[in-house]
Protein backbone atom coordinates (compact mmCIF):
# COMPACT_ATOMS: atom_id res chain seq x y z
CA MET A 1 45.43 -66.66 -38.65
CA GLU A 2 48.65 -65.05 -37.39
CA GLN A 3 48.50 -62.69 -40.38
CA ALA A 4 45.16 -61.34 -39.13
CA HIS A 5 46.81 -60.32 -35.85
CA ALA A 6 49.69 -58.63 -37.68
CA ARG A 7 47.33 -56.72 -39.99
CA SER A 8 45.18 -55.59 -37.07
CA LEU A 9 48.20 -54.42 -35.09
CA ALA A 10 49.45 -52.48 -38.10
CA ALA A 11 46.05 -50.81 -38.50
CA LEU A 12 46.17 -49.70 -34.84
CA GLN A 13 49.56 -47.98 -35.09
CA GLN A 14 48.24 -44.66 -36.36
CA TYR A 15 46.03 -44.25 -33.28
CA ILE A 16 48.89 -45.19 -30.97
CA TYR A 17 50.99 -42.57 -32.75
CA GLN A 18 48.32 -39.87 -32.26
CA VAL A 19 48.23 -40.51 -28.51
CA THR A 20 51.98 -40.80 -27.95
CA THR A 21 52.84 -37.69 -29.97
CA THR A 22 50.22 -35.42 -28.41
CA LYS A 23 51.36 -33.62 -25.28
CA ASN A 24 48.86 -33.02 -22.51
CA ALA A 25 46.09 -34.77 -24.44
CA SER A 26 42.67 -33.81 -23.17
CA PRO A 27 40.07 -36.44 -22.17
CA ARG A 28 37.93 -35.36 -25.10
CA PHE A 29 40.83 -35.95 -27.51
CA LEU A 30 41.54 -39.38 -26.02
CA ALA A 31 37.88 -40.37 -26.17
CA ASN A 32 37.76 -39.35 -29.82
CA VAL A 33 40.84 -41.48 -30.59
CA ILE A 34 39.18 -44.46 -28.91
CA LYS A 35 36.04 -43.94 -30.97
CA GLN A 36 38.05 -43.75 -34.21
CA ALA A 37 40.10 -46.85 -33.36
CA THR A 38 37.09 -48.99 -32.48
CA GLU A 39 35.15 -48.09 -35.61
CA ALA A 40 38.03 -48.21 -38.10
CA PRO A 41 38.08 -51.19 -40.49
CA GLY A 42 40.85 -53.67 -39.81
CA THR A 43 41.46 -52.91 -36.12
CA PHE A 44 40.65 -55.94 -33.95
CA VAL A 45 43.32 -55.80 -31.20
CA PHE A 46 43.49 -52.92 -28.75
CA THR A 47 45.85 -53.89 -25.92
CA GLU A 48 48.70 -51.71 -27.19
CA LEU A 49 46.40 -48.70 -27.21
CA LEU A 50 44.76 -49.59 -23.90
CA GLN A 51 48.09 -49.86 -22.07
CA LEU A 52 49.24 -46.34 -22.96
CA ALA A 53 49.60 -44.11 -19.91
CA ALA A 54 47.60 -41.33 -21.56
CA ILE A 55 44.66 -43.69 -22.18
CA GLN A 56 44.86 -45.02 -18.63
CA SER A 57 44.68 -41.44 -17.36
CA LEU A 58 40.98 -41.50 -18.24
CA ARG A 59 40.54 -43.69 -15.15
CA ALA A 60 41.31 -40.71 -12.89
CA ASP A 61 38.57 -39.56 -10.58
CA ASP A 62 38.63 -36.03 -11.96
CA THR A 63 37.92 -37.27 -15.51
CA PRO A 64 34.36 -36.43 -16.58
CA ALA A 65 32.15 -39.55 -16.61
CA GLU A 66 31.26 -39.13 -20.28
CA PHE A 67 34.94 -39.51 -21.24
CA ARG A 68 35.78 -42.12 -18.60
CA ALA A 69 33.13 -44.33 -20.18
CA TYR A 70 35.24 -44.54 -23.34
CA LEU A 71 37.93 -46.36 -21.36
CA THR A 72 35.30 -48.97 -20.49
CA ILE A 73 34.35 -49.14 -24.18
CA LEU A 74 37.97 -49.82 -25.11
CA GLU A 75 38.22 -52.56 -22.47
CA ILE A 76 35.08 -54.23 -23.82
CA PHE A 77 36.51 -54.10 -27.35
CA SER A 78 39.72 -55.63 -26.01
CA TRP A 79 38.28 -58.68 -24.19
CA GLY A 80 34.55 -58.21 -23.65
CA THR A 81 31.40 -59.07 -25.59
CA TYR A 82 28.38 -57.30 -26.99
CA ASP A 83 26.26 -58.75 -24.19
CA GLU A 84 28.54 -57.11 -21.61
CA TYR A 85 28.21 -53.79 -23.39
CA LYS A 86 24.43 -54.02 -23.22
CA GLN A 87 24.51 -54.89 -19.52
CA THR A 88 26.88 -52.06 -18.57
CA PRO A 89 25.00 -48.82 -17.85
CA SER A 90 25.99 -45.27 -18.81
CA LEU A 91 28.07 -46.21 -21.85
CA PRO A 92 28.06 -44.14 -25.04
CA GLU A 93 25.96 -45.47 -27.87
CA LEU A 94 27.83 -47.42 -30.53
CA ASN A 95 27.47 -46.54 -34.18
CA GLU A 96 26.80 -49.18 -36.85
CA ALA A 97 30.47 -49.88 -37.57
CA GLN A 98 31.32 -50.28 -33.88
CA THR A 99 28.31 -52.52 -33.28
CA HIS A 100 29.23 -54.80 -36.17
CA LYS A 101 32.85 -55.03 -35.04
CA LEU A 102 31.90 -55.81 -31.44
CA GLU A 103 29.56 -58.54 -32.70
CA GLN A 104 32.44 -60.01 -34.68
CA LEU A 105 34.76 -59.86 -31.66
CA SER A 106 32.07 -61.40 -29.46
CA LEU A 107 31.74 -64.29 -31.90
CA LEU A 108 35.49 -64.86 -31.67
CA THR A 109 35.22 -65.01 -27.89
CA LEU A 110 32.31 -67.47 -28.00
CA ALA A 111 34.20 -69.62 -30.52
CA SER A 112 37.42 -69.61 -28.52
CA PRO A 113 38.42 -72.96 -26.94
CA PHE A 114 39.30 -71.04 -23.77
CA VAL A 115 35.66 -70.18 -23.17
CA ASN A 116 34.62 -73.82 -22.84
CA ALA A 117 37.11 -76.65 -22.57
CA SER A 118 34.57 -79.37 -23.32
CA PRO A 119 35.31 -81.65 -26.33
CA GLY A 120 32.29 -80.34 -28.27
CA SER A 121 33.05 -76.65 -27.79
CA ASN A 122 33.92 -76.18 -31.47
CA SER A 123 30.22 -76.29 -32.40
CA LEU A 124 27.83 -73.48 -31.45
CA THR A 125 24.11 -73.72 -32.03
CA TYR A 126 22.20 -70.99 -33.79
CA ALA A 127 20.03 -70.48 -30.69
CA THR A 128 23.06 -69.89 -28.44
CA LEU A 129 24.62 -67.39 -30.81
CA LEU A 130 21.40 -65.53 -31.53
CA ALA A 131 20.84 -65.01 -27.82
CA ALA A 132 24.44 -64.07 -27.00
CA LEU A 133 24.77 -61.63 -29.89
CA SER A 134 21.22 -60.23 -29.76
CA LEU A 135 20.71 -60.92 -33.44
CA PRO A 136 17.17 -60.86 -34.88
CA ASP A 137 17.24 -64.03 -36.99
CA ALA A 138 19.34 -66.80 -38.54
CA ALA A 139 20.01 -64.75 -41.68
CA ALA A 140 21.70 -62.04 -39.60
CA LEU A 141 23.81 -64.67 -37.83
CA GLU A 142 24.88 -66.29 -41.10
CA SER A 143 25.79 -62.86 -42.50
CA LEU A 144 27.93 -62.15 -39.41
CA VAL A 145 29.74 -65.50 -39.61
CA THR A 146 30.35 -65.00 -43.33
CA SER A 147 31.83 -61.54 -42.72
CA CYS A 148 34.19 -63.01 -40.11
CA ILE A 149 35.29 -65.72 -42.51
CA TYR A 150 36.01 -63.27 -45.33
CA SER A 151 37.86 -60.96 -42.91
CA GLY A 152 40.15 -63.81 -41.91
CA LEU A 153 38.95 -63.81 -38.30
CA LEU A 154 37.96 -67.47 -38.25
CA THR A 155 37.27 -70.51 -40.39
CA ALA A 156 33.92 -72.18 -39.88
CA ARG A 157 31.15 -74.13 -41.57
CA LEU A 158 27.46 -73.27 -41.38
CA SER A 159 25.03 -76.15 -40.85
CA PRO A 160 21.55 -74.56 -41.08
CA THR A 161 19.84 -77.90 -41.85
CA SER A 162 21.35 -79.88 -38.97
CA ASP A 163 19.38 -80.62 -35.82
CA PRO A 164 19.86 -78.25 -34.15
CA PRO A 165 21.30 -75.75 -36.68
CA ALA A 166 24.89 -75.01 -35.74
CA VAL A 167 28.09 -73.21 -36.66
CA HIS A 168 31.11 -75.52 -36.66
CA ILE A 169 34.24 -73.55 -35.76
CA HIS A 170 37.57 -74.83 -37.12
CA THR A 171 40.11 -72.11 -36.29
CA VAL A 172 39.97 -68.73 -34.55
CA ALA A 173 42.40 -65.86 -35.07
CA PRO A 174 44.31 -64.85 -31.89
CA LEU A 175 42.80 -61.38 -31.71
CA ARG A 176 41.15 -61.31 -28.31
CA ASP A 177 43.06 -60.03 -25.30
CA LEU A 178 43.07 -61.67 -21.90
CA ARG A 179 40.84 -60.36 -19.17
CA PRO A 180 42.55 -59.13 -16.03
CA GLN A 181 43.01 -61.91 -13.48
CA SER A 182 42.02 -64.58 -16.04
CA LEU A 183 45.30 -66.49 -15.71
CA PRO A 184 44.07 -69.07 -13.13
CA ALA A 185 41.13 -70.08 -15.32
CA MET A 186 43.41 -70.36 -18.35
CA LEU A 187 45.88 -72.51 -16.41
CA GLN A 188 43.04 -74.83 -15.43
CA ILE A 189 41.96 -75.13 -19.05
CA LEU A 190 45.52 -75.86 -20.16
CA ALA A 191 45.89 -78.45 -17.39
CA THR A 192 42.73 -80.21 -18.58
CA TRP A 193 43.98 -80.13 -22.16
CA SER A 194 47.40 -81.47 -21.09
CA LYS A 195 45.79 -84.32 -19.16
CA ARG A 196 43.72 -85.23 -22.20
CA CYS A 197 46.85 -85.23 -24.37
CA ASP A 198 48.64 -87.48 -21.88
CA GLY A 199 45.77 -89.95 -22.06
CA VAL A 200 45.93 -89.97 -25.85
CA ILE A 201 49.69 -90.60 -25.73
CA VAL A 202 49.24 -93.55 -23.35
CA ASP A 203 46.57 -95.05 -25.61
CA LEU A 204 48.81 -94.66 -28.66
CA GLU A 205 51.76 -96.28 -26.90
CA ASN A 206 49.62 -99.23 -25.80
CA HIS A 207 48.32 -99.64 -29.35
CA ILE A 208 51.86 -99.54 -30.75
CA ASN A 209 53.04 -102.17 -28.22
CA ASN A 210 50.14 -104.45 -29.16
CA ILE A 211 51.03 -104.13 -32.84
CA LYS A 212 54.67 -104.98 -32.10
CA GLN A 213 53.70 -108.06 -30.05
CA GLN A 214 51.37 -109.28 -32.78
CA ALA A 215 54.08 -108.78 -35.40
CA LEU A 216 56.62 -110.69 -33.26
CA HIS A 217 54.16 -113.56 -32.77
CA ARG A 218 53.49 -113.76 -36.51
CA HIS A 219 57.23 -113.75 -37.19
CA GLN A 220 57.80 -116.61 -34.75
CA LEU A 221 55.00 -118.66 -36.29
CA ALA A 222 56.34 -118.03 -39.80
CA THR A 223 59.88 -119.04 -38.74
CA LYS A 224 58.61 -122.24 -37.09
CA ARG A 225 56.50 -123.13 -40.13
CA GLN A 226 59.42 -122.55 -42.48
CA GLY A 227 61.63 -124.78 -40.33
CA VAL A 228 59.12 -127.62 -40.58
CA ILE A 229 58.90 -127.21 -44.34
CA ASP A 230 62.69 -127.16 -44.76
CA LYS A 231 63.08 -130.31 -42.63
CA ALA A 232 60.40 -132.11 -44.62
CA VAL A 233 62.07 -131.22 -47.90
CA VAL A 234 65.53 -132.36 -46.78
CA TYR A 235 64.66 -135.55 -44.91
CA GLY A 236 61.44 -136.58 -46.60
CA ASP A 237 59.41 -136.38 -43.43
CA ALA A 238 56.58 -134.31 -44.81
CA PRO A 239 53.16 -135.84 -43.84
CA GLY A 240 51.40 -137.83 -46.58
CA LYS A 241 54.61 -138.37 -48.63
CA LYS A 242 56.44 -141.67 -49.26
CA SER A 243 60.08 -141.96 -48.37
CA GLY A 244 62.53 -141.42 -51.19
CA LYS A 245 65.01 -144.02 -52.53
CA GLY A 246 67.76 -142.58 -50.40
CA ASP A 247 68.08 -140.39 -47.34
CA GLY A 248 70.11 -137.90 -49.28
CA GLN A 249 67.54 -137.39 -52.05
CA ARG A 250 65.57 -134.15 -52.05
CA GLY A 251 61.81 -134.06 -52.09
CA SER A 252 61.63 -132.61 -55.56
CA LYS A 253 63.71 -135.44 -57.05
CA ARG A 254 61.71 -138.03 -55.15
CA ASP A 255 58.47 -136.53 -56.41
CA LEU A 256 59.73 -136.73 -59.99
CA ASP A 257 60.78 -140.40 -59.51
CA ASP A 258 57.42 -141.27 -57.98
CA GLY A 259 55.62 -139.67 -60.89
CA ALA A 260 57.69 -141.48 -63.61
CA VAL A 261 56.35 -144.64 -65.42
CA SER A 262 58.83 -147.52 -66.10
CA ASP A 263 59.19 -149.46 -69.39
CA ASP A 264 57.84 -152.67 -67.77
CA GLU A 265 54.72 -150.83 -66.74
CA VAL A 266 54.29 -149.60 -70.33
CA MET A 267 54.60 -153.20 -71.66
CA GLU A 268 52.10 -154.44 -69.12
CA MET A 269 49.72 -151.75 -70.21
CA ASP A 270 50.17 -152.73 -73.90
CA GLU A 271 49.53 -156.41 -73.14
CA GLY A 272 46.40 -155.54 -71.28
CA ILE A 273 45.15 -153.49 -74.17
CA GLY A 274 45.89 -156.37 -76.54
CA GLU A 275 43.92 -158.80 -74.43
CA ILE A 276 40.99 -156.48 -74.42
CA ASP A 277 41.16 -156.09 -78.20
CA SER A 278 41.37 -159.87 -78.73
CA GLY A 279 38.30 -160.41 -76.59
CA ARG A 280 36.31 -157.85 -78.47
CA GLY A 281 37.38 -158.88 -81.96
CA GLY A 282 37.47 -162.78 -81.83
CA SER A 283 35.22 -163.31 -84.83
CA SER A 284 37.30 -161.00 -86.93
CA SER A 285 40.50 -162.91 -86.02
CA ALA A 286 38.89 -166.24 -86.96
CA ALA A 287 37.77 -164.83 -90.27
CA ARG A 288 41.23 -163.57 -91.03
CA GLY A 289 42.66 -167.02 -90.10
CA THR A 290 40.28 -168.76 -92.53
CA LYS A 291 41.28 -166.43 -95.32
CA ARG A 292 44.96 -167.08 -94.71
CA GLY A 293 44.30 -170.85 -94.74
CA ARG A 294 42.54 -170.64 -98.09
CA GLY A 295 45.41 -168.73 -99.53
CA ARG A 296 47.89 -171.41 -98.54
CA GLY A 297 45.78 -174.09 -100.06
């Protein structure tokens, strides 16, 4: 967006040069320079031209009204809008190029955050823009917004199907000049913006402090839990566990000893299995005994 300002200022230099290098410039000559500057492609800032002493000389009482009106035209192109041009009487008629450029500049003013400091000021409805720019229909408005986008004057998104249809403004090039005596209103806007930023900072700091406190609490709980686990492992005091064979034994060794099966237990298991087998197979044992007896005989 800063590049748009630099390009516009560069495009204005030739008209500044014409005024500053012409001695005793007549009002007609100065009015013609203003007309050329306002209709030329690429010129969107005019303060440097407006502040020239020769241009300001058009304000003199002895300047013919038809030429003095061009000073008003240049002021409108500097910080005014198309609606102001229409409401100001006795101004020269704008040609097509001037009208289109003033519509573009007016859109920049309407899209500027300094026009309305409300949080939703980045969205402008079709109805608002059509009335402010005196455009015939939505197609003309969309064409104007598109031309501003491609000229690098702003970045925006058209929402013709939203309710209501709107133009969402993202960024605006710094091409509009300040109105005379507009500093108090701008200071008020900046104060409101600063207050809003301070509130956001306070909220962020409170949120950060809450996160830190929660993290500290979790760390303390984890440390306490780990201490309980370490004590249970060393001294065998973990709930639901039997004491080990010695105070110095670790839980892992005790668990292995508890899970082991002794030789006596294996023998007891074998004897039990044998008793079960003898109960189930008594007839077979008797038959085998009879056969052995016959063999001895």
